[in-house]
Amino acid sequence: MGFDPHAAVAARANGHPDCSVDAGIDKPGSGFAFQPAGCTPDVDCVGVRGLILAIDNIEPIADGATLFRCTVAIAPGAAPVRYPIGCFAALGSDADGAAVPLACVAGSVSVSRACPGDCDGDGQVTIDELLTGVNVILGTTGVVQCPSFDADFDDAVTVDELVTGVLDALNGCPGA
């Protein structure tokens, strides 16, 4: 699978992808590696390859089964958008090694801000940040100056999104 560097698969302490095979398919011999081979996690890896297998269990995997799950590490400063997770080069074989047709489903990871209007990510909304939101609405600056206001990912700041920022400034950010 391929991923955007802003929403990359996390690395474990040993440098391997933080992925695990689904227990329901009983394939304990499975393993995962970052791609391309030799890449450095959080630097230049763009994907993960999974080898799903078991030596002692040659039962077929059911159609539609979840094969594995991976933890995603959202990069600091990642914009609040949907990042694609690609699925490609799915290959499979039966117990005798004969090719089996496979399909996989691509997906995405949605990044949102816990505190709309918190432009610098410090857990609070300040007057300066609210003024940035007003300037985005007025068209004197772009939403890129404070993407946390854009709660619905439409590349614009609306009055209701600004009001949410005002409420966060008055009441504090959720979870802060």
N, C-alpha and C. Protein backbone atom coordinates (compact mmCIF):
# COMPACT_ATOMS: atom_id res chain seq x y z
N MET A 1 0.84 -1.17 0.00
CA MET A 1 0.00 0.00 0.00
C MET A 1 0.88 1.23 0.00
N GLY A 2 0.39 2.28 -0.61
CA GLY A 2 1.12 3.53 -0.67
C GLY A 2 0.45 4.58 0.18
N PHE A 3 1.24 5.54 0.66
CA PHE A 3 0.69 6.59 1.52
C PHE A 3 1.38 7.92 1.26
N ASP A 4 0.70 8.98 1.65
CA ASP A 4 1.24 10.32 1.58
C ASP A 4 2.15 10.52 2.80
N PRO A 5 3.27 11.20 2.67
CA PRO A 5 4.16 11.41 3.82
C PRO A 5 3.49 12.13 5.00
N HIS A 6 2.44 12.90 4.74
CA HIS A 6 1.73 13.58 5.83
C HIS A 6 0.87 12.63 6.66
N ALA A 7 0.58 11.46 6.11
CA ALA A 7 -0.22 10.44 6.81
C ALA A 7 0.43 9.08 6.56
N ALA A 8 1.66 8.96 7.03
CA ALA A 8 2.46 7.76 6.78
C ALA A 8 2.19 6.69 7.83
N VAL A 9 2.44 5.45 7.46
CA VAL A 9 2.37 4.37 8.43
C VAL A 9 3.47 4.61 9.47
N ALA A 10 3.10 4.49 10.74
CA ALA A 10 4.04 4.70 11.83
C ALA A 10 5.07 3.59 11.87
N ALA A 11 6.22 3.89 12.43
CA ALA A 11 7.28 2.90 12.61
C ALA A 11 7.34 2.48 14.07
N ARG A 12 7.56 1.20 14.29
CA ARG A 12 7.81 0.69 15.65
C ARG A 12 9.24 1.03 16.05
N ALA A 13 9.59 0.79 17.30
CA ALA A 13 10.93 1.08 17.80
C ALA A 13 12.01 0.36 16.99
N ASN A 14 11.68 -0.81 16.43
CA ASN A 14 12.65 -1.58 15.65
C ASN A 14 12.75 -1.11 14.20
N GLY A 15 12.00 -0.07 13.82
CA GLY A 15 12.04 0.46 12.47
C GLY A 15 11.10 -0.21 11.49
N HIS A 16 10.38 -1.23 11.93
CA HIS A 16 9.42 -1.91 11.07
C HIS A 16 8.07 -1.19 11.13
N PRO A 17 7.23 -1.35 10.10
CA PRO A 17 5.92 -0.71 10.11
C PRO A 17 5.08 -1.17 11.31
N ASP A 18 4.32 -0.24 11.87
CA ASP A 18 3.41 -0.57 12.98
C ASP A 18 2.12 -1.15 12.39
N CYS A 19 2.24 -2.37 11.88
CA CYS A 19 1.12 -3.08 11.25
C CYS A 19 0.99 -4.44 11.92
N SER A 20 -0.22 -4.96 11.95
CA SER A 20 -0.44 -6.30 12.50
C SER A 20 -1.49 -7.01 11.67
N VAL A 21 -1.28 -8.30 11.51
CA VAL A 21 -2.22 -9.12 10.76
C VAL A 21 -3.47 -9.30 11.60
N ASP A 22 -4.62 -9.34 10.96
CA ASP A 22 -5.89 -9.54 11.66
C ASP A 22 -5.91 -10.95 12.26
N ALA A 23 -6.18 -11.06 13.55
CA ALA A 23 -6.18 -12.37 14.22
C ALA A 23 -7.21 -13.31 13.63
N GLY A 24 -8.28 -12.79 13.07
CA GLY A 24 -9.35 -13.62 12.52
C GLY A 24 -8.95 -14.47 11.33
N ILE A 25 -7.85 -14.13 10.65
CA ILE A 25 -7.45 -14.93 9.49
C ILE A 25 -6.39 -15.98 9.86
N ASP A 26 -5.86 -15.91 11.07
CA ASP A 26 -4.92 -16.91 11.59
C ASP A 26 -3.74 -17.16 10.66
N LYS A 27 -3.01 -16.09 10.38
CA LYS A 27 -1.81 -16.18 9.53
C LYS A 27 -0.63 -15.56 10.30
N PRO A 28 -0.15 -16.26 11.34
CA PRO A 28 0.87 -15.69 12.23
C PRO A 28 2.25 -15.53 11.61
N GLY A 29 2.49 -16.07 10.45
CA GLY A 29 3.80 -15.93 9.80
C GLY A 29 3.93 -14.67 8.98
N SER A 30 2.98 -13.77 9.10
CA SER A 30 2.95 -12.56 8.27
C SER A 30 4.02 -11.56 8.69
N GLY A 31 4.40 -10.70 7.76
CA GLY A 31 5.37 -9.66 8.03
C GLY A 31 5.15 -8.44 7.17
N PHE A 32 5.76 -7.34 7.56
CA PHE A 32 5.57 -6.06 6.88
C PHE A 32 6.90 -5.35 6.74
N ALA A 33 7.07 -4.60 5.65
CA ALA A 33 8.30 -3.84 5.42
C ALA A 33 7.95 -2.54 4.72
N PHE A 34 8.69 -1.49 5.08
CA PHE A 34 8.53 -0.21 4.39
C PHE A 34 9.08 -0.31 2.97
N GLN A 35 8.52 0.51 2.10
CA GLN A 35 8.94 0.57 0.71
C GLN A 35 9.31 2.00 0.35
N PRO A 36 10.25 2.23 -0.52
CA PRO A 36 11.08 1.24 -1.18
C PRO A 36 12.07 0.61 -0.19
N ALA A 37 12.58 -0.53 -0.56
CA ALA A 37 13.54 -1.23 0.30
C ALA A 37 14.68 -0.29 0.67
N GLY A 38 15.05 -0.29 1.94
CA GLY A 38 16.14 0.55 2.41
C GLY A 38 15.75 1.97 2.76
N CYS A 39 14.48 2.32 2.61
CA CYS A 39 14.06 3.69 2.94
C CYS A 39 14.11 3.90 4.46
N THR A 40 14.05 5.15 4.87
CA THR A 40 14.05 5.52 6.28
C THR A 40 12.66 6.01 6.66
N PRO A 41 12.00 5.32 7.64
CA PRO A 41 10.67 5.77 8.07
C PRO A 41 10.69 7.25 8.47
N ASP A 42 9.61 7.94 8.21
CA ASP A 42 9.43 9.37 8.49
C ASP A 42 10.35 10.26 7.64
N VAL A 43 11.06 9.66 6.67
CA VAL A 43 11.93 10.45 5.81
C VAL A 43 11.57 10.24 4.35
N ASP A 44 11.74 9.01 3.84
CA ASP A 44 11.53 8.79 2.42
C ASP A 44 10.76 7.53 2.07
N CYS A 45 10.10 6.92 3.05
CA CYS A 45 9.26 5.75 2.75
C CYS A 45 7.93 6.23 2.18
N VAL A 46 7.42 5.50 1.20
CA VAL A 46 6.16 5.89 0.55
C VAL A 46 5.13 4.77 0.54
N GLY A 47 5.48 3.65 1.20
CA GLY A 47 4.53 2.55 1.21
C GLY A 47 4.95 1.45 2.16
N VAL A 48 4.08 0.46 2.28
CA VAL A 48 4.32 -0.73 3.08
C VAL A 48 3.94 -1.93 2.25
N ARG A 49 4.78 -2.96 2.30
CA ARG A 49 4.45 -4.22 1.65
C ARG A 49 4.17 -5.23 2.76
N GLY A 50 3.07 -5.95 2.61
CA GLY A 50 2.71 -6.98 3.58
C GLY A 50 2.77 -8.35 2.94
N LEU A 51 3.33 -9.30 3.65
CA LEU A 51 3.34 -10.69 3.22
C LEU A 51 2.49 -11.44 4.24
N ILE A 52 1.33 -11.88 3.81
CA ILE A 52 0.37 -12.51 4.70
C ILE A 52 0.43 -14.01 4.48
N LEU A 53 0.91 -14.76 5.49
CA LEU A 53 1.04 -16.20 5.31
C LEU A 53 1.10 -16.92 6.65
N ALA A 54 0.99 -18.22 6.56
CA ALA A 54 1.17 -19.11 7.70
C ALA A 54 1.72 -20.42 7.17
N ILE A 55 2.63 -21.00 7.90
CA ILE A 55 3.22 -22.29 7.51
C ILE A 55 2.29 -23.44 7.91
N ASP A 56 1.61 -23.28 9.04
CA ASP A 56 0.79 -24.36 9.57
C ASP A 56 -0.70 -24.24 9.26
N ASN A 57 -1.11 -23.17 8.59
CA ASN A 57 -2.51 -22.95 8.29
C ASN A 57 -2.64 -22.61 6.81
N ILE A 58 -3.06 -23.58 6.02
CA ILE A 58 -3.19 -23.36 4.58
C ILE A 58 -4.64 -23.15 4.16
N GLU A 59 -5.50 -22.88 5.15
CA GLU A 59 -6.90 -22.58 4.84
C GLU A 59 -6.98 -21.28 4.05
N PRO A 60 -7.85 -21.24 3.04
CA PRO A 60 -8.01 -19.99 2.28
C PRO A 60 -8.55 -18.87 3.17
N ILE A 61 -8.20 -17.67 2.82
CA ILE A 61 -8.72 -16.49 3.51
C ILE A 61 -10.06 -16.16 2.87
N ALA A 62 -11.06 -15.91 3.69
CA ALA A 62 -12.41 -15.63 3.20
C ALA A 62 -12.45 -14.35 2.38
N ASP A 63 -13.29 -14.34 1.36
CA ASP A 63 -13.52 -13.13 0.58
C ASP A 63 -13.98 -12.02 1.50
N GLY A 64 -13.45 -10.83 1.30
CA GLY A 64 -13.85 -9.67 2.08
C GLY A 64 -13.20 -9.57 3.44
N ALA A 65 -12.32 -10.51 3.77
CA ALA A 65 -11.68 -10.48 5.09
C ALA A 65 -10.72 -9.30 5.21
N THR A 66 -10.59 -8.76 6.40
CA THR A 66 -9.57 -7.77 6.69
C THR A 66 -8.26 -8.52 6.92
N LEU A 67 -7.24 -8.17 6.17
CA LEU A 67 -5.97 -8.87 6.30
C LEU A 67 -5.09 -8.28 7.39
N PHE A 68 -5.01 -6.95 7.44
CA PHE A 68 -4.14 -6.32 8.43
C PHE A 68 -4.58 -4.90 8.70
N ARG A 69 -4.01 -4.34 9.76
CA ARG A 69 -4.25 -2.95 10.14
C ARG A 69 -2.90 -2.30 10.42
N CYS A 70 -2.81 -1.02 10.12
CA CYS A 70 -1.58 -0.27 10.39
C CYS A 70 -1.93 1.01 11.13
N THR A 71 -1.03 1.43 12.00
CA THR A 71 -1.17 2.70 12.69
C THR A 71 -0.59 3.79 11.80
N VAL A 72 -1.30 4.89 11.70
CA VAL A 72 -0.86 6.01 10.87
C VAL A 72 -0.34 7.12 11.78
N ALA A 73 0.78 7.70 11.40
CA ALA A 73 1.37 8.83 12.13
C ALA A 73 1.12 10.09 11.33
N ILE A 74 0.31 10.98 11.85
CA ILE A 74 0.02 12.23 11.18
C ILE A 74 1.18 13.20 11.42
N ALA A 75 1.74 13.73 10.36
CA ALA A 75 2.88 14.64 10.46
C ALA A 75 2.46 15.95 11.12
N PRO A 76 3.33 16.52 11.94
CA PRO A 76 3.03 17.84 12.50
C PRO A 76 2.80 18.84 11.37
N GLY A 77 1.79 19.64 11.50
CA GLY A 77 1.48 20.63 10.47
C GLY A 77 0.73 20.08 9.28
N ALA A 78 0.32 18.81 9.32
CA ALA A 78 -0.44 18.24 8.20
C ALA A 78 -1.74 19.02 8.03
N ALA A 79 -2.06 19.37 6.82
CA ALA A 79 -3.28 20.12 6.54
C ALA A 79 -4.51 19.25 6.81
N PRO A 80 -5.62 19.88 7.18
CA PRO A 80 -6.84 19.11 7.44
C PRO A 80 -7.53 18.71 6.13
N VAL A 81 -7.07 17.63 5.56
CA VAL A 81 -7.60 17.10 4.31
C VAL A 81 -7.66 15.58 4.40
N ARG A 82 -8.13 14.97 3.36
CA ARG A 82 -8.11 13.51 3.26
C ARG A 82 -6.85 13.11 2.49
N TYR A 83 -6.05 12.25 3.09
CA TYR A 83 -4.84 11.76 2.45
C TYR A 83 -5.10 10.36 1.92
N PRO A 84 -4.76 10.10 0.66
CA PRO A 84 -5.05 8.79 0.06
C PRO A 84 -4.15 7.68 0.60
N ILE A 85 -4.72 6.51 0.71
CA ILE A 85 -3.98 5.28 0.99
C ILE A 85 -4.20 4.40 -0.23
N GLY A 86 -3.15 4.16 -0.98
CA GLY A 86 -3.28 3.39 -2.21
C GLY A 86 -3.14 1.90 -1.97
N CYS A 87 -3.73 1.16 -2.85
CA CYS A 87 -3.66 -0.30 -2.80
C CYS A 87 -3.26 -0.77 -4.19
N PHE A 88 -2.17 -1.50 -4.28
CA PHE A 88 -1.69 -1.90 -5.60
C PHE A 88 -0.88 -3.19 -5.50
N ALA A 89 -0.71 -3.82 -6.61
CA ALA A 89 0.13 -5.03 -6.75
C ALA A 89 -0.27 -6.14 -5.80
N ALA A 90 -1.56 -6.36 -5.60
CA ALA A 90 -2.01 -7.45 -4.74
C ALA A 90 -1.84 -8.77 -5.48
N LEU A 91 -1.10 -9.67 -4.88
CA LEU A 91 -0.85 -10.98 -5.47
C LEU A 91 -1.20 -12.05 -4.45
N GLY A 92 -1.63 -13.20 -4.91
CA GLY A 92 -1.96 -14.27 -3.99
C GLY A 92 -1.76 -15.62 -4.63
N SER A 93 -1.69 -16.63 -3.76
CA SER A 93 -1.57 -18.00 -4.26
C SER A 93 -2.30 -18.95 -3.33
N ASP A 94 -2.62 -20.12 -3.86
CA ASP A 94 -3.26 -21.14 -3.03
C ASP A 94 -2.18 -22.00 -2.37
N ALA A 95 -2.58 -23.02 -1.65
CA ALA A 95 -1.64 -23.87 -0.91
C ALA A 95 -0.63 -24.57 -1.83
N ASP A 96 -0.96 -24.71 -3.09
CA ASP A 96 -0.05 -25.35 -4.04
C ASP A 96 0.82 -24.35 -4.81
N GLY A 97 0.65 -23.07 -4.52
CA GLY A 97 1.43 -22.04 -5.18
C GLY A 97 0.83 -21.50 -6.46
N ALA A 98 -0.36 -21.98 -6.83
CA ALA A 98 -1.03 -21.47 -8.03
C ALA A 98 -1.59 -20.08 -7.77
N ALA A 99 -1.48 -19.20 -8.73
CA ALA A 99 -1.96 -17.82 -8.59
C ALA A 99 -3.46 -17.79 -8.31
N VAL A 100 -3.85 -16.88 -7.43
CA VAL A 100 -5.25 -16.66 -7.09
C VAL A 100 -5.53 -15.18 -7.36
N PRO A 101 -6.60 -14.87 -8.10
CA PRO A 101 -6.89 -13.46 -8.35
C PRO A 101 -7.29 -12.75 -7.05
N LEU A 102 -6.75 -11.56 -6.87
CA LEU A 102 -7.03 -10.76 -5.67
C LEU A 102 -7.49 -9.38 -6.07
N ALA A 103 -8.19 -8.76 -5.17
CA ALA A 103 -8.55 -7.35 -5.31
C ALA A 103 -8.31 -6.69 -3.97
N CYS A 104 -7.95 -5.44 -4.00
CA CYS A 104 -7.80 -4.69 -2.75
C CYS A 104 -8.52 -3.36 -2.91
N VAL A 105 -8.78 -2.73 -1.80
CA VAL A 105 -9.56 -1.50 -1.80
C VAL A 105 -8.70 -0.36 -1.26
N ALA A 106 -8.56 0.69 -2.04
CA ALA A 106 -7.84 1.88 -1.58
C ALA A 106 -8.71 2.62 -0.56
N GLY A 107 -8.10 3.47 0.18
CA GLY A 107 -8.84 4.22 1.20
C GLY A 107 -8.22 5.58 1.40
N SER A 108 -8.49 6.16 2.55
CA SER A 108 -7.93 7.46 2.88
C SER A 108 -7.91 7.64 4.39
N VAL A 109 -7.13 8.62 4.82
CA VAL A 109 -7.08 9.03 6.21
C VAL A 109 -7.50 10.48 6.25
N SER A 110 -8.49 10.80 7.07
CA SER A 110 -8.94 12.19 7.20
C SER A 110 -8.27 12.83 8.40
N VAL A 111 -7.67 13.96 8.15
CA VAL A 111 -7.03 14.73 9.22
C VAL A 111 -7.93 15.92 9.53
N SER A 112 -8.26 16.08 10.78
CA SER A 112 -9.06 17.23 11.19
C SER A 112 -8.39 17.89 12.38
N ARG A 113 -8.81 19.05 12.68
CA ARG A 113 -8.25 19.79 13.80
C ARG A 113 -9.18 19.63 15.00
N ALA A 114 -8.59 19.36 16.15
CA ALA A 114 -9.38 19.24 17.37
C ALA A 114 -9.92 20.59 17.79
N CYS A 115 -9.31 21.64 17.31
CA CYS A 115 -9.70 22.99 17.74
C CYS A 115 -9.74 23.93 16.54
N PRO A 116 -10.90 24.04 15.89
CA PRO A 116 -11.01 24.96 14.76
C PRO A 116 -10.61 26.38 15.14
N GLY A 117 -9.72 26.96 14.35
CA GLY A 117 -9.23 28.31 14.61
C GLY A 117 -7.87 28.34 15.28
N ASP A 118 -7.40 27.21 15.77
CA ASP A 118 -6.09 27.14 16.41
C ASP A 118 -5.04 27.00 15.31
N CYS A 119 -4.64 28.12 14.73
CA CYS A 119 -3.76 28.12 13.56
C CYS A 119 -2.38 27.55 13.83
N ASP A 120 -1.85 27.76 15.03
CA ASP A 120 -0.49 27.30 15.30
C ASP A 120 -0.43 25.98 16.08
N GLY A 121 -1.60 25.39 16.38
CA GLY A 121 -1.64 24.08 17.02
C GLY A 121 -1.21 24.08 18.48
N ASP A 122 -1.30 25.24 19.15
CA ASP A 122 -0.88 25.28 20.55
C ASP A 122 -2.00 24.99 21.55
N GLY A 123 -3.18 24.61 21.04
CA GLY A 123 -4.28 24.25 21.93
C GLY A 123 -5.16 25.39 22.39
N GLN A 124 -4.98 26.55 21.78
CA GLN A 124 -5.84 27.69 22.12
C GLN A 124 -6.04 28.57 20.89
N VAL A 125 -7.15 29.30 20.88
CA VAL A 125 -7.45 30.23 19.79
C VAL A 125 -7.27 31.65 20.32
N THR A 126 -6.41 32.40 19.65
CA THR A 126 -6.12 33.77 20.07
C THR A 126 -6.83 34.77 19.17
N ILE A 127 -6.81 36.03 19.59
CA ILE A 127 -7.42 37.11 18.79
C ILE A 127 -6.74 37.19 17.42
N ASP A 128 -5.42 37.06 17.39
CA ASP A 128 -4.70 37.11 16.11
C ASP A 128 -5.19 36.01 15.16
N GLU A 129 -5.45 34.83 15.72
CA GLU A 129 -5.93 33.72 14.88
C GLU A 129 -7.35 33.99 14.39
N LEU A 130 -8.19 34.58 15.24
CA LEU A 130 -9.54 34.95 14.80
C LEU A 130 -9.49 35.99 13.70
N LEU A 131 -8.58 36.95 13.81
CA LEU A 131 -8.43 37.95 12.75
C LEU A 131 -7.97 37.31 11.45
N THR A 132 -7.15 36.28 11.54
CA THR A 132 -6.75 35.55 10.33
C THR A 132 -7.98 34.93 9.68
N GLY A 133 -8.86 34.33 10.51
CA GLY A 133 -10.10 33.75 9.98
C GLY A 133 -10.98 34.79 9.31
N VAL A 134 -11.09 35.97 9.91
CA VAL A 134 -11.88 37.05 9.31
C VAL A 134 -11.26 37.45 7.97
N ASN A 135 -9.94 37.55 7.92
CA ASN A 135 -9.27 37.93 6.67
C ASN A 135 -9.46 36.88 5.58
N VAL A 136 -9.53 35.61 5.97
CA VAL A 136 -9.81 34.57 4.98
C VAL A 136 -11.22 34.76 4.43
N ILE A 137 -12.18 34.99 5.30
CA ILE A 137 -13.57 35.21 4.85
C ILE A 137 -13.64 36.43 3.93
N LEU A 138 -12.92 37.49 4.26
CA LEU A 138 -12.94 38.71 3.45
C LEU A 138 -12.14 38.57 2.15
N GLY A 139 -11.36 37.52 2.05
CA GLY A 139 -10.59 37.30 0.84
C GLY A 139 -9.26 38.02 0.80
N THR A 140 -8.81 38.59 1.92
CA THR A 140 -7.53 39.30 1.92
C THR A 140 -6.35 38.37 2.21
N THR A 141 -6.64 37.15 2.62
CA THR A 141 -5.61 36.13 2.79
C THR A 141 -6.22 34.78 2.45
N GLY A 142 -5.39 33.80 2.22
CA GLY A 142 -5.88 32.47 1.84
C GLY A 142 -6.07 31.56 3.04
N VAL A 143 -6.88 30.54 2.85
CA VAL A 143 -7.15 29.56 3.90
C VAL A 143 -5.87 28.83 4.31
N VAL A 144 -4.85 28.84 3.46
CA VAL A 144 -3.59 28.19 3.81
C VAL A 144 -2.93 28.85 5.02
N GLN A 145 -3.31 30.08 5.33
CA GLN A 145 -2.76 30.77 6.50
C GLN A 145 -3.27 30.16 7.80
N CYS A 146 -4.42 29.48 7.75
CA CYS A 146 -4.97 28.83 8.94
C CYS A 146 -5.96 27.75 8.51
N PRO A 147 -5.45 26.61 8.02
CA PRO A 147 -6.35 25.56 7.55
C PRO A 147 -7.23 24.96 8.63
N SER A 148 -6.89 25.18 9.91
CA SER A 148 -7.71 24.60 10.98
C SER A 148 -9.12 25.20 11.01
N PHE A 149 -9.33 26.38 10.45
CA PHE A 149 -10.69 26.93 10.36
C PHE A 149 -11.57 26.15 9.39
N ASP A 150 -10.97 25.54 8.40
CA ASP A 150 -11.71 24.87 7.33
C ASP A 150 -12.16 23.48 7.77
N ALA A 151 -13.15 23.41 8.63
CA ALA A 151 -13.60 22.15 9.23
C ALA A 151 -14.19 21.17 8.22
N ASP A 152 -14.75 21.66 7.12
CA ASP A 152 -15.39 20.77 6.15
C ASP A 152 -14.54 20.51 4.91
N PHE A 153 -13.27 20.91 4.97
CA PHE A 153 -12.30 20.61 3.89
C PHE A 153 -12.71 21.17 2.53
N ASP A 154 -13.41 22.31 2.49
CA ASP A 154 -13.83 22.85 1.20
C ASP A 154 -12.96 24.00 0.72
N ASP A 155 -11.80 24.18 1.34
CA ASP A 155 -10.84 25.22 0.98
C ASP A 155 -11.40 26.63 1.13
N ALA A 156 -12.29 26.80 2.11
CA ALA A 156 -12.87 28.11 2.40
C ALA A 156 -13.18 28.16 3.89
N VAL A 157 -13.31 29.37 4.40
CA VAL A 157 -13.75 29.56 5.79
C VAL A 157 -15.10 30.26 5.72
N THR A 158 -16.08 29.67 6.38
CA THR A 158 -17.42 30.24 6.42
C THR A 158 -17.65 30.90 7.77
N VAL A 159 -18.72 31.68 7.86
CA VAL A 159 -19.04 32.37 9.11
C VAL A 159 -19.25 31.36 10.24
N ASP A 160 -19.92 30.24 9.96
CA ASP A 160 -20.14 29.27 11.04
C ASP A 160 -18.82 28.66 11.52
N GLU A 161 -17.85 28.48 10.62
CA GLU A 161 -16.54 27.97 11.03
C GLU A 161 -15.80 29.00 11.88
N LEU A 162 -15.96 30.29 11.51
CA LEU A 162 -15.35 31.36 12.31
C LEU A 162 -16.01 31.43 13.69
N VAL A 163 -17.32 31.28 13.74
CA VAL A 163 -18.03 31.30 15.03
C VAL A 163 -17.54 30.17 15.93
N THR A 164 -17.30 28.99 15.35
CA THR A 164 -16.75 27.88 16.14
C THR A 164 -15.39 28.28 16.71
N GLY A 165 -14.57 28.97 15.93
CA GLY A 165 -13.29 29.46 16.41
C GLY A 165 -13.46 30.46 17.55
N VAL A 166 -14.44 31.37 17.43
CA VAL A 166 -14.72 32.33 18.50
C VAL A 166 -15.11 31.60 19.77
N LEU A 167 -15.98 30.60 19.65
CA LEU A 167 -16.40 29.82 20.83
C LEU A 167 -15.21 29.10 21.45
N ASP A 168 -14.29 28.59 20.61
CA ASP A 168 -13.09 27.95 21.14
C ASP A 168 -12.21 28.96 21.86
N ALA A 169 -12.16 30.20 21.36
CA ALA A 169 -11.38 31.24 22.02
C ALA A 169 -12.00 31.58 23.38
N LEU A 170 -13.32 31.61 23.45
CA LEU A 170 -14.01 31.97 24.70
C LEU A 170 -14.03 30.83 25.72
N ASN A 171 -14.25 29.61 25.22
CA ASN A 171 -14.48 28.47 26.13
C ASN A 171 -13.30 27.51 26.23
N GLY A 172 -12.30 27.69 25.41
CA GLY A 172 -11.18 26.76 25.38
C GLY A 172 -11.40 25.70 24.34
N CYS A 173 -10.31 25.14 23.89
CA CYS A 173 -10.39 24.09 22.87
C CYS A 173 -10.87 22.78 23.49
N PRO A 174 -11.64 22.00 22.72
CA PRO A 174 -12.07 20.70 23.23
C PRO A 174 -10.87 19.83 23.57
N GLY A 175 -10.90 19.23 24.74
CA GLY A 175 -9.84 18.32 25.15
C GLY A 175 -8.57 19.02 25.64
N ALA A 176 -8.57 20.35 25.66
CA ALA A 176 -7.35 21.07 26.11
C ALA A 176 -7.35 21.22 27.61
